[in-house]
Amino acid sequence: MPSENYDLCSHKLERCDRPTRGGGVAIYIRRTLQYEIVSNFTSEYIEYLVIRLRIKSFTCMIGTFYRQPRGNYDMFIDCFENLLADMLLSYDNIICVGDFNTNMMSVTDYKTNALNELMSSLNLTQIIQDPTYRTTSSESLLDLVICGNSFNVTNSGTIDCSDMTDHYCVFCELPIYFNKLPPTQRVRTRSFKHFDGVAFEADVYAVHW
C-alpha cells in the first residue's frame, strides 16, 4: 500500500517494509520539519530506519528499530553496535526507539546484559522504566528509548494503547536549545549606479540658497 494512504494532515510517513508479508518499521514526521533518510535495513534479526532531523541550528539522528524475537541475537548486537558507532561518529545527539524484544527487567538474562554492556560502552542510556508488555501472569520491558547522554530528558514513560495493541507506547520529551542569533540591523543605502554628475550640478546651481 502506498504511504500516502497512511499520511496524516500534519505528518508524513516514512517506512522500511519487510520484503515478506507483514513487518517493517516506520516513522511519522511533522511536515514542517527538515529531515533526510540516512539508512534503512531489514533482515531476519534486525529492522531499522534512521533519519537525520534538523530544527534550526539543532541536528539529531533518530532511528526506529525492531528485533525479531527468533532472530540470531549475536548478529543483532553486532549490527546494532556498528550502526550506533556510525551514528555517533557524526552526532552526539541520537535517539533509538522501538521493540527490541529484550526484557530489560530481567537482570540475569544474557540478552539484557549484552544490550546493557553495549549501551554502557557507547555512553548511551535506556530511559523507559515501566513495563511495556503485560500478560495475566507476567510483565516485560521490551519497547525502549535509548538516548545519548548529551540529552536532558524532561519527561518519559508509557501510554496504555490496549485498544490498538498489546504493547504500551513509549515516549520521551527533550528540550531543544538554539543558538541565539544577533539582533537584525537594517541599513539604508542609495545606489549611485546611474548617477548623472552634470544633472546633479545643474540642480545644485538652480537652488536659491
Protein backbone atom coordinates (compact mmCIF):
# COMPACT_ATOMS: atom_id res chain seq x y z
CA MET A 1 0.00 0.00 0.00
CA PRO A 2 1.37 3.48 -0.82
CA SER A 3 2.49 5.59 2.13
CA GLU A 4 0.09 8.35 1.11
CA ASN A 5 -2.78 6.12 2.28
CA TYR A 6 -1.47 6.43 5.85
CA ASP A 7 -0.32 10.06 5.85
CA LEU A 8 -1.77 12.40 8.44
CA CYS A 9 -2.65 16.03 7.75
CA SER A 10 0.26 17.32 9.82
CA HIS A 11 2.70 14.39 9.48
CA LYS A 12 4.33 12.40 6.71
CA LEU A 13 5.03 8.67 6.88
CA GLU A 14 8.47 7.23 6.09
CA ARG A 15 8.81 3.46 6.22
CA CYS A 16 11.05 0.46 5.61
CA ASP A 17 8.99 -2.58 4.68
CA ARG A 18 9.90 -6.20 5.22
CA PRO A 19 10.26 -7.99 1.85
CA THR A 20 7.96 -10.77 3.08
CA ARG A 21 4.38 -10.28 4.21
CA GLY A 22 3.92 -8.08 7.29
CA GLY A 23 6.50 -6.41 9.48
CA GLY A 24 8.77 -3.45 8.86
CA VAL A 25 9.33 -0.15 10.69
CA ALA A 26 8.09 3.40 10.11
CA ILE A 27 8.33 6.98 11.40
CA TYR A 28 5.78 9.77 11.31
CA ILE A 29 7.44 13.19 10.85
CA ARG A 30 5.83 16.60 11.12
CA ARG A 31 5.63 18.11 7.65
CA THR A 32 7.18 21.41 8.73
CA LEU A 33 10.43 19.72 9.84
CA GLN A 34 13.52 19.29 7.67
CA TYR A 35 14.89 15.74 7.54
CA GLU A 36 16.55 13.14 5.35
CA ILE A 37 16.69 9.35 5.43
CA VAL A 38 20.18 8.22 6.41
CA SER A 39 19.86 4.44 6.47
CA ASN A 40 17.33 1.61 6.36
CA PHE A 41 17.70 -2.14 6.55
CA THR A 42 15.65 -5.27 7.11
CA SER A 43 16.75 -8.83 7.83
CA GLU A 44 15.71 -11.82 9.91
CA TYR A 45 17.42 -10.38 13.01
CA ILE A 46 17.03 -6.56 12.80
CA GLU A 47 14.93 -3.95 11.02
CA TYR A 48 15.57 -0.21 11.23
CA LEU A 49 15.00 3.18 9.67
CA VAL A 50 17.25 6.14 10.60
CA ILE A 51 16.66 9.80 9.76
CA ARG A 52 18.67 12.99 10.29
CA LEU A 53 16.42 15.69 11.70
CA ARG A 54 17.17 19.43 11.60
CA ILE A 55 15.34 22.06 13.62
CA LYS A 56 17.01 25.44 13.06
CA SER A 57 20.56 25.03 14.44
CA PHE A 58 19.78 21.72 16.18
CA THR A 59 20.51 18.38 14.46
CA CYS A 60 19.99 14.83 15.71
CA MET A 61 19.74 11.27 14.45
CA ILE A 62 16.54 9.32 15.16
CA GLY A 63 16.18 5.61 14.50
CA THR A 64 13.26 3.23 14.88
CA PHE A 65 14.10 -0.45 15.39
CA TYR A 66 12.54 -3.88 15.57
CA ARG A 67 14.25 -7.11 16.58
CA GLN A 68 12.52 -10.29 15.56
CA PRO A 69 12.30 -12.50 18.67
CA ARG A 70 13.57 -15.62 16.91
CA GLY A 71 16.45 -13.88 15.13
CA ASN A 72 20.11 -14.51 15.96
CA TYR A 73 20.85 -12.24 18.92
CA ASP A 74 24.62 -12.05 18.44
CA MET A 75 24.10 -10.88 14.85
CA PHE A 76 21.60 -8.30 16.10
CA ILE A 77 24.08 -6.94 18.66
CA ASP A 78 26.88 -6.76 16.07
CA CYS A 79 24.70 -4.94 13.55
CA PHE A 80 23.25 -2.59 16.17
CA GLU A 81 26.72 -1.76 17.52
CA ASN A 82 28.11 -0.97 14.06
CA LEU A 83 25.15 1.27 13.27
CA LEU A 84 25.38 3.13 16.60
CA ALA A 85 29.10 3.68 16.13
CA ASP A 86 28.49 5.19 12.69
CA MET A 87 25.74 7.44 14.07
CA LEU A 88 27.92 8.64 16.96
CA LEU A 89 30.80 9.47 14.61
CA SER A 90 28.64 12.22 13.12
CA TYR A 91 26.42 13.34 16.00
CA ASP A 92 26.29 13.15 19.79
CA ASN A 93 22.52 13.61 19.72
CA ILE A 94 20.97 10.25 18.84
CA ILE A 95 17.69 8.61 19.80
CA CYS A 96 16.83 4.95 19.16
CA VAL A 97 13.28 3.73 19.78
CA GLY A 98 11.42 0.53 19.10
CA ASP A 99 10.57 -3.02 20.11
CA PHE A 100 13.89 -4.72 20.89
CA ASN A 101 12.25 -7.90 22.24
CA THR A 102 14.78 -7.87 25.07
CA ASN A 103 13.33 -7.80 28.57
CA MET A 104 15.26 -5.06 30.35
CA MET A 105 13.59 -6.04 33.64
CA SER A 106 15.45 -9.35 33.68
CA VAL A 107 18.83 -8.69 35.29
CA THR A 108 20.13 -12.22 34.71
CA ASP A 109 19.16 -12.65 31.06
CA TYR A 110 22.04 -12.94 28.59
CA LYS A 111 20.32 -10.70 26.03
CA THR A 112 19.62 -7.97 28.57
CA ASN A 113 23.22 -7.99 29.81
CA ALA A 114 24.59 -7.88 26.27
CA LEU A 115 22.45 -4.86 25.38
CA ASN A 116 23.32 -3.10 28.65
CA GLU A 117 27.03 -3.64 28.03
CA LEU A 118 26.72 -2.25 24.51
CA MET A 119 24.90 0.89 25.70
CA SER A 120 27.40 1.43 28.50
CA SER A 121 30.37 1.13 26.14
CA LEU A 122 28.90 3.86 23.89
CA ASN A 123 27.74 6.13 26.73
CA LEU A 124 24.05 5.60 25.94
CA THR A 125 21.11 5.31 28.34
CA GLN A 126 17.80 3.44 28.16
CA ILE A 127 15.23 5.74 29.81
CA ILE A 128 11.97 3.74 29.93
CA GLN A 129 11.47 2.18 33.37
CA ASP A 130 7.92 0.77 33.32
CA PRO A 131 6.80 -2.49 31.70
CA THR A 132 5.63 -2.16 28.10
CA TYR A 133 4.11 -5.61 27.67
CA ARG A 134 1.83 -7.32 30.16
CA THR A 135 0.00 -10.62 30.31
CA THR A 136 -2.15 -12.07 33.08
CA SER A 137 0.92 -13.75 34.56
CA SER A 138 3.94 -11.62 33.60
CA GLU A 139 5.24 -8.20 32.56
CA SER A 140 8.22 -7.21 30.44
CA LEU A 141 10.07 -4.10 29.33
CA LEU A 142 10.58 -4.69 25.61
CA ASP A 143 9.94 -1.29 24.00
CA LEU A 144 12.86 1.03 24.61
CA VAL A 145 14.04 4.61 24.17
CA ILE A 146 17.84 4.80 24.01
CA CYS A 147 19.43 8.27 24.10
CA GLY A 148 22.86 9.78 24.07
CA ASN A 149 23.84 11.20 27.44
CA SER A 150 24.03 14.68 25.90
CA PHE A 151 20.22 14.81 26.04
CA ASN A 152 18.48 16.22 29.09
CA VAL A 153 15.23 14.24 29.05
CA THR A 154 12.48 16.23 30.78
CA ASN A 155 9.78 13.54 30.66
CA SER A 156 9.38 9.93 29.56
CA GLY A 157 7.10 6.98 30.15
CA THR A 158 4.46 4.67 28.70
CA ILE A 159 0.93 5.13 27.36
CA ASP A 160 -1.77 2.47 27.51
CA CYS A 161 -2.80 1.65 23.93
CA SER A 162 -4.63 -1.59 24.66
CA ASP A 163 -7.40 -0.69 22.20
CA MET A 164 -4.85 -0.88 19.36
CA THR A 165 -2.02 -3.18 20.51
CA ASP A 166 -0.91 -5.47 23.34
CA HIS A 167 2.17 -3.26 23.83
CA TYR A 168 2.30 0.05 25.66
CA CYS A 169 3.51 3.03 23.63
CA VAL A 170 6.66 4.75 24.87
CA PHE A 171 7.53 8.43 24.68
CA CYS A 172 10.11 10.99 25.75
CA GLU A 173 10.29 14.77 25.78
CA LEU A 174 13.55 16.58 25.06
CA PRO A 175 14.27 20.32 25.31
CA ILE A 176 15.88 21.76 22.20
CA TYR A 177 18.04 24.86 22.54
CA PHE A 178 19.03 27.06 19.64
CA ASN A 179 21.98 29.36 19.19
CA LYS A 180 20.71 32.90 19.73
CA LEU A 181 21.14 34.99 16.62
CA PRO A 182 22.37 38.60 16.90
CA PRO A 183 19.69 41.29 16.53
CA THR A 184 18.90 42.29 12.97
CA GLN A 185 20.33 45.63 11.84
CA ARG A 186 18.81 47.47 8.93
CA VAL A 187 20.99 49.77 6.86
CA ARG A 188 19.51 52.02 4.18
CA THR A 189 21.65 52.78 1.14
CA ARG A 190 21.18 54.62 -2.14
CA SER A 191 22.52 53.29 -5.40
CA PHE A 192 24.69 55.71 -7.43
CA LYS A 193 24.97 53.34 -10.35
CA HIS A 194 23.08 55.72 -12.65
CA PHE A 195 24.29 58.99 -11.06
CA ASP A 196 24.47 61.90 -13.53
CA GLY A 197 27.07 64.37 -12.27
CA VAL A 198 26.20 67.10 -14.78
CA ALA A 199 22.49 66.99 -13.95
CA PHE A 200 23.26 66.99 -10.22
CA GLU A 201 25.48 70.08 -10.58
CA ALA A 202 22.76 71.84 -12.56
CA ASP A 203 20.21 71.08 -9.85
CA VAL A 204 22.54 72.48 -7.17
CA TYR A 205 23.06 75.74 -9.07
CA ALA A 206 19.27 76.05 -9.62
CA VAL A 207 18.58 76.12 -5.86
CA HIS A 208 18.17 79.60 -4.33
CA TRP A 209 20.45 79.26 -1.31
